[in-house]
Protein backbone atom coordinates (compact mmCIF):
# COMPACT_ATOMS: atom_id res chain seq x y z
CA MET A 1 17.00 33.05 14.61
CA PRO A 2 15.18 31.14 11.80
CA GLY A 3 14.71 27.68 13.40
CA LYS A 4 14.48 26.07 16.80
CA GLY A 5 17.50 24.31 18.28
CA PRO A 6 17.39 20.75 19.71
CA ALA A 7 16.85 21.97 23.28
CA GLU A 8 13.91 24.18 22.26
CA LYS A 9 12.34 21.31 20.29
CA ARG A 10 12.56 19.02 23.35
CA GLN A 11 10.88 21.63 25.52
CA ALA A 12 8.08 22.05 22.96
CA ALA A 13 7.64 18.26 22.82
CA LYS A 14 7.43 18.09 26.63
CA LYS A 15 4.72 20.77 26.65
CA THR A 16 2.53 18.84 24.20
CA ALA A 17 3.21 15.35 25.61
CA GLY A 18 0.17 13.75 27.25
CA LYS A 19 -2.27 16.25 25.78
CA THR A 20 -5.10 15.51 23.38
CA PRO A 21 -4.67 16.82 19.81
CA ALA A 22 -7.16 19.63 20.53
CA GLU A 23 -5.16 20.74 23.59
CA ALA A 24 -1.89 20.56 21.64
CA GLY A 25 -3.31 22.93 19.00
CA LYS A 26 -3.69 20.26 16.30
CA LYS A 27 -6.82 19.25 14.45
CA ARG A 28 -8.17 15.80 15.17
CA ARG A 29 -8.58 13.67 12.04
CA ARG A 30 -11.55 11.38 11.62
CA LYS A 31 -10.75 7.89 10.46
CA ARG A 32 -11.98 7.33 6.92
CA THR A 33 -14.38 4.50 6.34
CA GLU A 34 -14.28 3.23 2.79
CA SER A 35 -17.63 2.60 1.22
CA PHE A 36 -19.22 2.06 -2.17
CA ALA A 37 -22.24 4.16 -1.14
CA LEU A 38 -21.55 7.04 -3.52
CA TYR A 39 -21.16 4.70 -6.50
CA ILE A 40 -24.22 2.66 -5.57
CA TYR A 41 -26.21 5.89 -5.42
CA LYS A 42 -24.90 7.07 -8.82
CA VAL A 43 -25.83 3.77 -10.49
CA LEU A 44 -29.27 3.83 -8.83
CA LYS A 45 -29.89 7.31 -10.25
CA GLN A 46 -28.78 6.19 -13.72
CA VAL A 47 -31.22 3.27 -13.67
CA HIS A 48 -34.13 4.78 -11.68
CA PRO A 49 -33.72 8.58 -11.31
CA GLU A 50 -36.86 8.96 -9.17
CA THR A 51 -35.99 6.20 -6.67
CA GLY A 52 -34.19 6.70 -3.34
CA ILE A 53 -32.44 4.28 -0.98
CA SER A 54 -32.49 4.01 2.83
CA LYS A 55 -29.38 3.83 5.02
CA LYS A 56 -30.13 0.22 5.90
CA SER A 57 -30.51 -0.74 2.23
CA MET A 58 -27.31 1.13 1.37
CA SER A 59 -25.49 -0.76 4.12
CA ILE A 60 -26.79 -4.08 2.76
CA MET A 61 -25.73 -3.19 -0.79
CA ASN A 62 -22.31 -2.10 0.44
CA SER A 63 -21.85 -5.39 2.30
CA PHE A 64 -22.99 -7.29 -0.78
CA ILE A 65 -20.44 -5.55 -3.02
CA ASN A 66 -17.63 -6.07 -0.49
CA ASP A 67 -18.54 -9.77 -0.28
CA ILE A 68 -18.59 -10.21 -4.07
CA PHE A 69 -15.28 -8.34 -4.33
CA ASP A 70 -13.66 -10.63 -1.75
CA ARG A 71 -14.96 -13.73 -3.49
CA MET A 72 -13.71 -12.53 -6.89
CA ALA A 73 -10.29 -11.66 -5.48
CA THR A 74 -10.04 -15.08 -3.81
CA GLU A 75 -11.05 -16.85 -7.01
CA ALA A 76 -8.54 -14.84 -9.06
CA THR A 77 -5.82 -15.69 -6.52
CA ASN A 78 -6.72 -19.39 -6.77
CA LEU A 79 -6.46 -19.18 -10.57
CA ILE A 80 -2.99 -17.64 -10.30
CA ARG A 81 -1.81 -20.38 -7.96
CA PHE A 82 -3.34 -23.10 -10.15
CA ASN A 83 -1.51 -21.75 -13.23
CA LYS A 84 1.73 -21.24 -11.24
CA LYS A 85 1.87 -17.52 -12.02
CA LYS A 86 2.82 -14.61 -9.77
CA THR A 87 1.03 -11.70 -11.43
CA LEU A 88 -2.68 -10.96 -11.25
CA SER A 89 -3.78 -9.69 -14.65
CA SER A 90 -7.11 -8.64 -16.12
CA ARG A 91 -7.36 -12.11 -17.67
CA GLU A 92 -7.56 -13.82 -14.24
CA VAL A 93 -10.09 -11.26 -13.03
CA GLN A 94 -12.20 -11.83 -16.15
CA THR A 95 -12.09 -15.60 -15.66
CA SER A 96 -13.09 -15.26 -12.00
CA VAL A 97 -16.04 -13.07 -13.05
CA ARG A 98 -17.13 -15.71 -15.57
CA LEU A 99 -16.90 -18.41 -12.91
CA MET A 100 -18.68 -16.47 -10.16
CA LEU A 101 -21.53 -14.67 -11.92
CA PRO A 102 -24.41 -16.42 -13.70
CA GLY A 103 -25.31 -16.15 -17.42
CA GLU A 104 -26.25 -12.73 -18.71
CA LEU A 105 -24.88 -10.93 -15.66
CA SER A 106 -21.47 -12.45 -16.39
CA LYS A 107 -21.56 -11.26 -20.01
CA HIS A 108 -22.46 -7.71 -18.99
CA ALA A 109 -19.78 -7.63 -16.26
CA VAL A 110 -17.10 -8.87 -18.68
CA SER A 111 -18.04 -6.31 -21.34
CA GLU A 112 -18.07 -3.44 -18.81
CA GLY A 113 -14.75 -4.60 -17.34
CA THR A 114 -13.17 -4.82 -20.79
CA LYS A 115 -14.45 -1.35 -21.60
CA ALA A 116 -12.98 0.04 -18.35
CA VAL A 117 -9.58 -1.59 -18.94
CA THR A 118 -9.48 -0.27 -22.52
CA LYS A 119 -10.36 3.24 -21.33
CA TYR A 120 -7.65 3.09 -18.66
CA THR A 121 -5.03 1.80 -21.11
CA THR A 122 -5.75 4.54 -23.66
CA ALA A 123 -5.70 7.24 -20.95
CA ALA A 124 -2.39 5.95 -19.55
CA GLY A 125 -0.85 6.10 -23.04
CA ASN A 126 -1.44 9.87 -23.36
């Protein structure tokens, strides 16, 4: 008999009902927490290879990046609404970066963003 019938499946479900995943024979999955920690660390090593970063500092940097990301997304959304558009494009993101970041930092961010979009577009074409 290759598979279980409906009655056998119900009995198996009753046996595992009310049990923890470990008792039911299943592995428990940890909830993933998204973080920029890996990328922050990689950039730190590119700029200062001999320098380390503490957990507290990493947490602060992660919060900072999440905050900037939220602000940029909000600004880009406001630009879309102002221009009566429905699609968020790289142009709105670029404009929000120019509005949010000061001077030289804005220029560097725009050039890096443009480079990333170009790289993505050429890779998607292959």
